[in-house]
Amino acid sequence: MIAFLTGRVAGKAPPFAFIDVGGVGYKLAMPTGSLAALPVNGGEVTVRTHLVVREDGLSLFGFATEEEQSLFEQLIGVSGVGPKVALALLSALPSEQLAAAIAREDVALISSAPGVGKKTAQRLIVELKDRLGSEGAAGGGKALDLGATAEARDALLSMGFAPAEAAAALADAEGDSAQTVLKHALRRLGGAA
């Protein structure tokens, strides 16, 4: 198994990254946030990986953090959730937010990821809630009204922002009203965070 790669970024073609490791090029599918965090071409990088072996081929998936990789591996362990759906989930929502959404049983937020329907979201909650419950609760240390966050997220989506952009903008949002949370997110999206 390939646990990680250390090399130079040879290119990006979403959702793929190309990493040159000693003259051998590896093609990795990566969540949107991890892909965006990679350095420019030629930059040195270490990427955690998960190899999926199928009878029709090998697929390598890359992650920026151990938490993201661990959540991916838990997601693909759920019946009916393959690597592509897990990647779509992690691209739509950062790992902390996805774990928190599963822990608080937020079917609407989970099913907003491309290729994830209501039944799949419910299955994820049933199978992963107990495992992710303590992680989701630990991530919610600051006082934040989850209804306000959901309302602000819906507003960002209606403005045309992608789910991944909205999730990233709301990642460290603070406030007790949707308006406060939305202002914070818009500042982050505008680069004035």
C-alpha atoms as a PDB file:
ATOM      1  CA  MET A   1       0.000   0.000   0.000  1.00  0.00           C
ATOM      2  CA  ILE A   2       1.121   3.550  -0.688  1.00  0.00           C
ATOM      3  CA  ALA A   3       0.792   5.534   2.566  1.00  0.00           C
ATOM      4  CA  PHE A   4       2.073   8.898   1.310  1.00  0.00           C
ATOM      5  CA  LEU A   5       3.986  10.559  -1.497  1.00  0.00           C
ATOM      6  CA  THR A   6       6.685  13.189  -1.171  1.00  0.00           C
ATOM      7  CA  GLY A   7       7.681  14.920  -4.359  1.00  0.00           C
ATOM      8  CA  ARG A   8       7.066  17.921  -6.568  1.00  0.00           C
ATOM      9  CA  VAL A   9       3.749  19.115  -7.939  1.00  0.00           C
ATOM     10  CA  ALA A  10       3.816  18.410 -11.672  1.00  0.00           C
ATOM     11  CA  GLY A  11       0.355  19.755 -12.433  1.00  0.00           C
ATOM     12  CA  LYS A  12      -3.308  20.005 -11.473  1.00  0.00           C
ATOM     13  CA  ALA A  13      -6.389  19.103 -13.491  1.00  0.00           C
ATOM     14  CA  PRO A  14      -9.292  19.014 -11.032  1.00  0.00           C
ATOM     15  CA  PRO A  15     -10.032  16.680  -9.382  1.00  0.00           C
ATOM     16  CA  PHE A  16      -6.547  15.324 -10.102  1.00  0.00           C
ATOM     17  CA  ALA A  17      -3.075  16.319  -8.993  1.00  0.00           C
ATOM     18  CA  PHE A  18       0.108  15.011 -10.588  1.00  0.00           C
ATOM     19  CA  ILE A  19       3.031  14.436  -8.231  1.00  0.00           C
ATOM     20  CA  ASP A  20       6.531  13.724  -9.536  1.00  0.00           C
ATOM     21  CA  VAL A  21       8.317  11.410  -7.094  1.00  0.00           C
ATOM     22  CA  GLY A  22      11.846  10.751  -8.291  1.00  0.00           C
ATOM     23  CA  GLY A  23      10.888  10.833 -11.946  1.00  0.00           C
ATOM     24  CA  VAL A  24       7.726   8.735 -11.538  1.00  0.00           C
ATOM     25  CA  GLY A  25       4.464  10.635 -12.004  1.00  0.00           C
ATOM     26  CA  TYR A  26       1.515   9.753  -9.771  1.00  0.00           C
ATOM     27  CA  LYS A  27      -2.045  10.807 -10.595  1.00  0.00           C
ATOM     28  CA  LEU A  28      -4.127  11.364  -7.461  1.00  0.00           C
ATOM     29  CA  ALA A  29      -7.783  12.300  -7.136  1.00  0.00           C
ATOM     30  CA  MET A  30      -8.086  14.869  -4.348  1.00  0.00           C
ATOM     31  CA  PRO A  31     -10.864  16.794  -2.579  1.00  0.00           C
ATOM     32  CA  THR A  32     -11.200  20.368  -3.834  1.00  0.00           C
ATOM     33  CA  GLY A  33      -9.791  21.942  -0.660  1.00  0.00           C
ATOM     34  CA  SER A  34      -6.718  19.698  -0.590  1.00  0.00           C
ATOM     35  CA  LEU A  35      -6.096  20.291  -4.279  1.00  0.00           C
ATOM     36  CA  ALA A  36      -6.303  24.064  -3.814  1.00  0.00           C
ATOM     37  CA  ALA A  37      -3.865  23.877  -0.887  1.00  0.00           C
ATOM     38  CA  LEU A  38      -1.124  22.289  -3.001  1.00  0.00           C
ATOM     39  CA  PRO A  39       1.829  24.526  -3.840  1.00  0.00           C
ATOM     40  CA  VAL A  40       2.388  25.790  -7.379  1.00  0.00           C
ATOM     41  CA  ASN A  41       3.968  23.528  -9.991  1.00  0.00           C
ATOM     42  CA  GLY A  42       7.466  22.529  -8.934  1.00  0.00           C
ATOM     43  CA  GLY A  43       6.718  23.010  -5.238  1.00  0.00           C
ATOM     44  CA  GLU A  44       7.661  20.282  -2.766  1.00  0.00           C
ATOM     45  CA  VAL A  45       4.728  18.475  -1.153  1.00  0.00           C
ATOM     46  CA  THR A  46       3.867  15.458   0.982  1.00  0.00           C
ATOM     47  CA  VAL A  47       0.410  14.010   0.356  1.00  0.00           C
ATOM     48  CA  ARG A  48      -1.254  11.253   2.394  1.00  0.00           C
ATOM     49  CA  THR A  49      -2.784   8.611   0.124  1.00  0.00           C
ATOM     50  CA  HIS A  50      -5.313   5.811  -0.063  1.00  0.00           C
ATOM     51  CA  LEU A  51      -5.065   3.187  -2.810  1.00  0.00           C
ATOM     52  CA  VAL A  52      -8.307   1.664  -4.096  1.00  0.00           C
ATOM     53  CA  VAL A  53      -7.846  -1.657  -5.900  1.00  0.00           C
ATOM     54  CA  ARG A  54     -10.590  -2.797  -8.248  1.00  0.00           C
ATOM     55  CA  GLU A  55     -10.578  -5.473 -10.903  1.00  0.00           C
ATOM     56  CA  ASP A  56     -10.641  -2.802 -13.620  1.00  0.00           C
ATOM     57  CA  GLY A  57      -7.726  -0.795 -12.213  1.00  0.00           C
ATOM     58  CA  LEU A  58      -5.992   1.042  -9.397  1.00  0.00           C
ATOM     59  CA  SER A  59      -7.027   4.486  -8.164  1.00  0.00           C
ATOM     60  CA  LEU A  60      -4.943   6.662  -5.873  1.00  0.00           C
ATOM     61  CA  PHE A  61      -6.616   9.288  -3.691  1.00  0.00           C
ATOM     62  CA  GLY A  62      -4.679  12.076  -1.965  1.00  0.00           C
ATOM     63  CA  PHE A  63      -5.369  14.103   1.174  1.00  0.00           C
ATOM     64  CA  ALA A  64      -3.868  17.129   2.897  1.00  0.00           C
ATOM     65  CA  THR A  65      -4.507  15.871   6.434  1.00  0.00           C
ATOM     66  CA  GLU A  66      -4.753  12.638   8.381  1.00  0.00           C
ATOM     67  CA  GLU A  67      -8.282  13.593   9.500  1.00  0.00           C
ATOM     68  CA  GLU A  68      -9.437  14.004   5.913  1.00  0.00           C
ATOM     69  CA  GLN A  69      -7.943  10.639   4.938  1.00  0.00           C
ATOM     70  CA  SER A  70      -9.494   8.922   7.962  1.00  0.00           C
ATOM     71  CA  LEU A  71     -12.938  10.346   7.162  1.00  0.00           C
ATOM     72  CA  PHE A  72     -12.587   9.246   3.510  1.00  0.00           C
ATOM     73  CA  GLU A  73     -11.786   5.707   4.663  1.00  0.00           C
ATOM     74  CA  GLN A  74     -14.794   5.693   6.998  1.00  0.00           C
ATOM     75  CA  LEU A  75     -17.050   7.017   4.228  1.00  0.00           C
ATOM     76  CA  ILE A  76     -16.079   4.300   1.743  1.00  0.00           C
ATOM     77  CA  GLY A  77     -16.769   1.722   4.448  1.00  0.00           C
ATOM     78  CA  VAL A  78     -20.465   2.666   4.327  1.00  0.00           C
ATOM     79  CA  SER A  79     -22.615   0.442   2.133  1.00  0.00           C
ATOM     80  CA  GLY A  80     -23.312   2.126  -1.205  1.00  0.00           C
ATOM     81  CA  VAL A  81     -20.660   4.833  -0.805  1.00  0.00           C
ATOM     82  CA  GLY A  82     -17.733   4.454  -3.169  1.00  0.00           C
ATOM     83  CA  PRO A  83     -14.583   6.520  -3.545  1.00  0.00           C
ATOM     84  CA  LYS A  84     -16.177   8.960  -6.013  1.00  0.00           C
ATOM     85  CA  VAL A  85     -19.068   9.770  -3.680  1.00  0.00           C
ATOM     86  CA  ALA A  86     -16.681  10.082  -0.712  1.00  0.00           C
ATOM     87  CA  LEU A  87     -14.495  12.442  -2.760  1.00  0.00           C
ATOM     88  CA  ALA A  88     -17.571  14.495  -3.732  1.00  0.00           C
ATOM     89  CA  LEU A  89     -18.566  14.766  -0.068  1.00  0.00           C
ATOM     90  CA  LEU A  90     -15.096  15.910   0.996  1.00  0.00           C
ATOM     91  CA  SER A  91     -14.979  18.371  -1.905  1.00  0.00           C
ATOM     92  CA  ALA A  92     -18.345  19.883  -0.977  1.00  0.00           C
ATOM     93  CA  LEU A  93     -17.649  20.061   2.766  1.00  0.00           C
ATOM     94  CA  PRO A  94     -14.354  20.249   4.663  1.00  0.00           C
ATOM     95  CA  SER A  95     -13.819  17.136   6.814  1.00  0.00           C
ATOM     96  CA  GLU A  96     -14.606  18.934  10.104  1.00  0.00           C
ATOM     97  CA  GLN A  97     -17.916  20.248   8.774  1.00  0.00           C
ATOM     98  CA  LEU A  98     -18.859  16.909   7.224  1.00  0.00           C
ATOM     99  CA  ALA A  99     -18.149  15.075  10.497  1.00  0.00           C
ATOM    100  CA  ALA A 100     -20.179  17.692  12.409  1.00  0.00           C
ATOM    101  CA  ALA A 101     -23.057  17.431   9.888  1.00  0.00           C
ATOM    102  CA  ILE A 102     -23.144  13.651  10.330  1.00  0.00           C
ATOM    103  CA  ALA A 103     -22.989  14.002  14.124  1.00  0.00           C
ATOM    104  CA  ARG A 104     -25.925  16.434  14.202  1.00  0.00           C
ATOM    105  CA  GLU A 105     -27.864  14.445  11.551  1.00  0.00           C
ATOM    106  CA  ASP A 106     -28.002  17.290   9.008  1.00  0.00           C
ATOM    107  CA  VAL A 107     -29.432  15.353   6.027  1.00  0.00           C
ATOM    108  CA  ALA A 108     -29.975  18.517   3.966  1.00  0.00           C
ATOM    109  CA  LEU A 109     -26.349  19.637   4.220  1.00  0.00           C
ATOM    110  CA  ILE A 110     -24.920  16.170   3.521  1.00  0.00           C
ATOM    111  CA  SER A 111     -27.231  15.572   0.553  1.00  0.00           C
ATOM    112  CA  SER A 112     -26.183  18.923  -0.975  1.00  0.00           C
ATOM    113  CA  ALA A 113     -22.979  17.244  -2.211  1.00  0.00           C
ATOM    114  CA  PRO A 114     -23.119  16.177  -5.878  1.00  0.00           C
ATOM    115  CA  GLY A 115     -24.197  12.549  -6.277  1.00  0.00           C
ATOM    116  CA  VAL A 116     -25.430  12.242  -2.695  1.00  0.00           C
ATOM    117  CA  GLY A 117     -29.152  11.764  -2.241  1.00  0.00           C
ATOM    118  CA  LYS A 118     -31.286  11.838   0.857  1.00  0.00           C
ATOM    119  CA  LYS A 119     -31.124   8.039   1.335  1.00  0.00           C
ATOM    120  CA  THR A 120     -27.334   7.987   1.083  1.00  0.00           C
ATOM    121  CA  ALA A 121     -27.105  10.882   3.556  1.00  0.00           C
ATOM    122  CA  GLN A 122     -29.373   9.007   5.982  1.00  0.00           C
ATOM    123  CA  ARG A 123     -27.272   5.831   5.598  1.00  0.00           C
ATOM    124  CA  LEU A 124     -24.105   7.831   6.347  1.00  0.00           C
ATOM    125  CA  ILE A 125     -25.704   9.214   9.488  1.00  0.00           C
ATOM    126  CA  VAL A 126     -26.916   5.806  10.691  1.00  0.00           C
ATOM    127  CA  GLU A 127     -23.572   4.086  10.094  1.00  0.00           C
ATOM    128  CA  LEU A 128     -21.168   6.881  11.130  1.00  0.00           C
ATOM    129  CA  LYS A 129     -22.968   9.014  13.719  1.00  0.00           C
ATOM    130  CA  ASP A 130     -21.721   7.068  16.731  1.00  0.00           C
ATOM    131  CA  ARG A 131     -18.138   7.006  15.430  1.00  0.00           C
ATOM    132  CA  LEU A 132     -18.105  10.698  14.498  1.00  0.00           C
ATOM    133  CA  GLY A 133     -20.374  12.009  17.287  1.00  0.00           C
ATOM    134  CA  SER A 134     -17.562  12.793  19.706  1.00  0.00           C
ATOM    135  CA  GLU A 135     -15.450  14.336  16.914  1.00  0.00           C
ATOM    136  CA  GLY A 136     -18.359  16.492  15.742  1.00  0.00           C
ATOM    137  CA  ALA A 137     -19.101  17.590  19.292  1.00  0.00           C
ATOM    138  CA  ALA A 138     -15.449  18.355  19.939  1.00  0.00           C
ATOM    139  CA  GLY A 139     -15.351  20.537  16.834  1.00  0.00           C
ATOM    140  CA  GLY A 140     -18.317  22.586  18.045  1.00  0.00           C
ATOM    141  CA  GLY A 141     -16.543  24.241  20.962  1.00  0.00           C
ATOM    142  CA  LYS A 142     -17.500  27.803  20.071  1.00  0.00           C
ATOM    143  CA  ALA A 143     -20.980  29.127  20.509  1.00  0.00           C
ATOM    144  CA  LEU A 144     -22.530  29.060  17.082  1.00  0.00           C
ATOM    145  CA  ASP A 145     -26.161  28.665  16.135  1.00  0.00           C
ATOM    146  CA  LEU A 146     -26.235  25.809  13.613  1.00  0.00           C
ATOM    147  CA  GLY A 147     -29.521  27.121  12.197  1.00  0.00           C
ATOM    148  CA  ALA A 148     -27.831  30.465  11.498  1.00  0.00           C
ATOM    149  CA  THR A 149     -24.981  28.670   9.738  1.00  0.00           C
ATOM    150  CA  ALA A 150     -27.384  26.641   7.596  1.00  0.00           C
ATOM    151  CA  GLU A 151     -29.313  29.793   6.701  1.00  0.00           C
ATOM    152  CA  ALA A 152     -26.096  31.637   5.791  1.00  0.00           C
ATOM    153  CA  ARG A 153     -24.949  28.636   3.712  1.00  0.00           C
ATOM    154  CA  ASP A 154     -28.259  28.624   1.796  1.00  0.00           C
ATOM    155  CA  ALA A 155     -27.845  32.351   1.151  1.00  0.00           C
ATOM    156  CA  LEU A 156     -24.319  31.831  -0.220  1.00  0.00           C
ATOM    157  CA  LEU A 157     -25.518  29.015  -2.485  1.00  0.00           C
ATOM    158  CA  SER A 158     -28.358  31.201  -3.781  1.00  0.00           C
ATOM    159  CA  MET A 159     -25.742  33.875  -4.597  1.00  0.00           C
ATOM    160  CA  GLY A 160     -24.014  31.377  -6.867  1.00  0.00           C
ATOM    161  CA  PHE A 161     -21.137  30.232  -4.665  1.00  0.00           C
ATOM    162  CA  ALA A 162     -20.161  26.567  -4.960  1.00  0.00           C
ATOM    163  CA  PRO A 163     -20.865  24.314  -1.953  1.00  0.00           C
ATOM    164  CA  ALA A 164     -17.118  23.958  -1.314  1.00  0.00           C
ATOM    165  CA  GLU A 165     -16.645  27.750  -1.357  1.00  0.00           C
ATOM    166  CA  ALA A 166     -19.576  28.225   1.014  1.00  0.00           C
ATOM    167  CA  ALA A 167     -18.307  25.537   3.373  1.00  0.00           C
ATOM    168  CA  ALA A 168     -14.797  26.996   3.409  1.00  0.00           C
ATOM    169  CA  ALA A 169     -16.126  30.513   4.037  1.00  0.00           C
ATOM    170  CA  LEU A 170     -18.230  29.265   6.948  1.00  0.00           C
ATOM    171  CA  ALA A 171     -15.466  27.082   8.413  1.00  0.00           C
ATOM    172  CA  ASP A 172     -14.656  29.389  11.340  1.00  0.00           C
ATOM    173  CA  ALA A 173     -17.794  31.509  11.306  1.00  0.00           C
ATOM    174  CA  GLU A 174     -18.854  33.028  14.598  1.00  0.00           C
ATOM    175  CA  GLY A 175     -22.131  34.658  15.474  1.00  0.00           C
ATOM    176  CA  ASP A 176     -25.603  34.083  16.758  1.00  0.00           C
ATOM    177  CA  SER A 177     -27.576  35.247  13.735  1.00  0.00           C
ATOM    178  CA  ALA A 178     -27.598  34.277  10.078  1.00  0.00           C
ATOM    179  CA  GLN A 179     -26.821  37.881   9.116  1.00  0.00           C
ATOM    180  CA  THR A 180     -23.666  37.966  11.278  1.00  0.00           C
ATOM    181  CA  VAL A 181     -22.484  34.594   9.977  1.00  0.00           C
ATOM    182  CA  LEU A 182     -23.219  35.621   6.364  1.00  0.00           C
ATOM    183  CA  LYS A 183     -21.258  38.892   6.740  1.00  0.00           C
ATOM    184  CA  HIS A 184     -18.289  36.940   8.098  1.00  0.00           C
ATOM    185  CA  ALA A 185     -18.458  34.462   5.197  1.00  0.00           C
ATOM    186  CA  LEU A 186     -18.702  37.219   2.586  1.00  0.00           C
ATOM    187  CA  ARG A 187     -15.647  38.966   4.086  1.00  0.00           C
ATOM    188  CA  ARG A 188     -13.699  35.690   3.826  1.00  0.00           C
ATOM    189  CA  LEU A 189     -14.855  35.155   0.244  1.00  0.00           C
ATOM    190  CA  GLY A 190     -13.872  38.725  -0.578  1.00  0.00           C
ATOM    191  CA  GLY A 191     -10.380  38.196   0.844  1.00  0.00           C
ATOM    192  CA  ALA A 192     -10.867  40.597   3.752  1.00  0.00           C
ATOM    193  CA  ALA A 193     -10.981  37.878   6.430  1.00  0.00           C
END
